[in-house]
Amino acid sequence: MSDTSRTAVRVTIFGEEYALRSETGEDYTRACAEHVDERVNSVHVSGHVAEPHKAAILAAMQITDELFQARAARDDQVELVHQRLSDLRERVEEALNRGAAQAELGS
């Protein structure tokens, strides 16, 4: 995409202002930045991490862990749906075969 389709957004994360260009829109970009800011501040306060870069890295690790867990849960759900669809397909085929067999007997 070209730069003309990107929106310029100014956000503040851990007291530092950043000028970001985003294709996803200002509200979404701000929401992402607010989430990162909250997580970095949380790590800073709860872990007594003084260095901003260390707090940012630990926050990134937590956010990445959440992402990986969400992906794993989604993959589990997809597998469950596929299994249920397979089971349903088998049941439909069995029902159709029974109906065809009964129709032959009735003729």
Foldseek 3Di string as FASTA:
>chain_A
DDQVQWDWEWEAAPRDIDTDTHNPDHVVVRVVRVLLNVQLVVCCVPVVDDDSVVSSVVSVVVVVVVVVVVVVVVVVVVVVVVVVVVVVVVVVVVVVVVVVVVVVVVD
